[in-house]
C-alpha atoms as a PDB file:
ATOM      1  CA  MET A   1       0.000   0.000   0.000  1.00  0.00           C
ATOM      2  CA  ASN A   2       1.095   3.544  -0.632  1.00  0.00           C
ATOM      3  CA  LYS A   3       2.348   5.051   2.633  1.00  0.00           C
ATOM      4  CA  GLU A   4       1.310   8.542   1.579  1.00  0.00           C
ATOM      5  CA  ASN A   5      -2.399   7.705   1.692  1.00  0.00           C
ATOM      6  CA  LEU A   6      -4.173   6.615   4.810  1.00  0.00           C
ATOM      7  CA  VAL A   7      -4.533   2.863   5.092  1.00  0.00           C
ATOM      8  CA  VAL A   8      -8.291   3.150   5.614  1.00  0.00           C
ATOM      9  CA  ASP A   9      -8.680   5.316   2.502  1.00  0.00           C
ATOM     10  CA  GLN A  10      -6.852   2.716   0.450  1.00  0.00           C
ATOM     11  CA  ALA A  11      -9.022  -0.067   1.872  1.00  0.00           C
ATOM     12  CA  TYR A  12     -12.125   1.904   0.855  1.00  0.00           C
ATOM     13  CA  GLU A  13     -10.689   2.414  -2.622  1.00  0.00           C
ATOM     14  CA  PHE A  14     -10.003  -1.313  -2.940  1.00  0.00           C
ATOM     15  CA  GLN A  15     -13.546  -2.056  -1.787  1.00  0.00           C
ATOM     16  CA  MET A  16     -14.957   0.338  -4.418  1.00  0.00           C
ATOM     17  CA  ILE A  17     -12.908  -1.341  -7.166  1.00  0.00           C
ATOM     18  CA  SER A  18     -14.139  -4.747  -6.005  1.00  0.00           C
ATOM     19  CA  GLN A  19     -17.725  -3.474  -6.102  1.00  0.00           C
ATOM     20  CA  GLU A  20     -17.241  -2.214  -9.662  1.00  0.00           C
ATOM     21  CA  ILE A  21     -15.965  -5.657 -10.651  1.00  0.00           C
ATOM     22  CA  CYS A  22     -19.012  -7.267  -9.024  1.00  0.00           C
ATOM     23  CA  ASN A  23     -21.278  -4.833 -10.903  1.00  0.00           C
ATOM     24  CA  GLU A  24     -19.786  -6.212 -14.131  1.00  0.00           C
ATOM     25  CA  GLY A  25     -20.957  -9.690 -13.144  1.00  0.00           C
ATOM     26  CA  ILE A  26     -17.695 -11.074 -11.779  1.00  0.00           C
ATOM     27  CA  GLN A  27     -17.925 -12.315  -8.212  1.00  0.00           C
ATOM     28  CA  VAL A  28     -15.022 -11.485  -5.907  1.00  0.00           C
ATOM     29  CA  ASP A  29     -14.890 -13.499  -2.697  1.00  0.00           C
ATOM     30  CA  GLU A  30     -15.014 -11.231   0.341  1.00  0.00           C
ATOM     31  CA  GLN A  31     -12.387 -13.268   2.186  1.00  0.00           C
ATOM     32  CA  MET A  32     -10.017 -12.792  -0.750  1.00  0.00           C
ATOM     33  CA  GLN A  33     -10.597  -9.046  -0.536  1.00  0.00           C
ATOM     34  CA  VAL A  34      -9.859  -9.062   3.195  1.00  0.00           C
ATOM     35  CA  ALA A  35      -6.712 -11.152   2.688  1.00  0.00           C
ATOM     36  CA  ALA A  36      -5.491  -8.875  -0.135  1.00  0.00           C
ATOM     37  CA  ILE A  37      -5.795  -5.782   2.037  1.00  0.00           C
ATOM     38  CA  ILE A  38      -4.072  -7.425   4.995  1.00  0.00           C
ATOM     39  CA  ILE A  39      -1.195  -8.623   2.807  1.00  0.00           C
ATOM     40  CA  LYS A  40      -0.672  -5.124   1.393  1.00  0.00           C
ATOM     41  CA  LEU A  41      -0.518  -3.320   4.736  1.00  0.00           C
ATOM     42  CA  PRO A  42       2.679  -1.280   5.234  1.00  0.00           C
ATOM     43  CA  GLU A  43       5.649  -2.850   7.005  1.00  0.00           C
ATOM     44  CA  SER A  44       4.968  -0.677  10.046  1.00  0.00           C
ATOM     45  CA  TRP A  45       1.682  -2.592  10.470  1.00  0.00           C
ATOM     46  CA  LYS A  46       3.471  -5.978  10.515  1.00  0.00           C
ATOM     47  CA  ASP A  47       2.306  -7.029  13.993  1.00  0.00           C
ATOM     48  CA  ILE A  48      -1.262  -5.889  13.398  1.00  0.00           C
ATOM     49  CA  ALA A  49      -1.382  -7.675  10.034  1.00  0.00           C
ATOM     50  CA  LYS A  50      -0.089 -10.873  11.605  1.00  0.00           C
ATOM     51  CA  GLY A  51      -2.875 -10.791  14.188  1.00  0.00           C
ATOM     52  CA  MET A  52      -5.501 -10.102  11.510  1.00  0.00           C
ATOM     53  CA  ARG A  53      -4.262 -12.912   9.264  1.00  0.00           C
ATOM     54  CA  HIS A  54      -5.037 -15.408  11.981  1.00  0.00           C
ATOM     55  CA  LYS A  55      -8.569 -14.022  12.268  1.00  0.00           C
ATOM     56  CA  GLN A  56      -9.221 -13.327   8.568  1.00  0.00           C
ATOM     57  CA  ASN A  57     -11.830 -16.110   8.329  1.00  0.00           C
ATOM     58  CA  GLU A  58     -13.883 -14.124  10.830  1.00  0.00           C
ATOM     59  CA  LEU A  59     -13.372 -10.687   9.285  1.00  0.00           C
ATOM     60  CA  SER A  60     -15.782  -9.138   6.841  1.00  0.00           C
ATOM     61  CA  MET A  61     -14.738  -6.102   4.804  1.00  0.00           C
ATOM     62  CA  GLU A  62     -16.756  -3.902   7.138  1.00  0.00           C
ATOM     63  CA  ALA A  63     -15.103  -5.430  10.214  1.00  0.00           C
ATOM     64  CA  LEU A  64     -11.657  -5.092   8.630  1.00  0.00           C
ATOM     65  CA  ILE A  65     -12.133  -1.400   7.836  1.00  0.00           C
ATOM     66  CA  THR A  66     -13.429  -0.796  11.343  1.00  0.00           C
ATOM     67  CA  ARG A  67     -10.380  -2.542  12.779  1.00  0.00           C
ATOM     68  CA  LEU A  68      -8.069  -0.488  10.552  1.00  0.00           C
ATOM     69  CA  ARG A  69      -9.724   2.712  11.774  1.00  0.00           C
ATOM     70  CA  VAL A  70      -9.175   1.678  15.390  1.00  0.00           C
ATOM     71  CA  GLU A  71      -5.506   0.895  14.763  1.00  0.00           C
END
């Protein structure tokens, strides 16, 4: 992820792109979206990302963005 933009803003942007893809008739698994965002977190978020990866089966996009806001 680009360090110049806020992590939450980038997660929203990714979610919007995924929604546009879905609008074209291509389904994108929500867990894949969550995993993609977690993987692309900046290096400074390494410990937080590690904790989220272990819980990614439980995280929805909404829950992930909320968690990113808190962090």
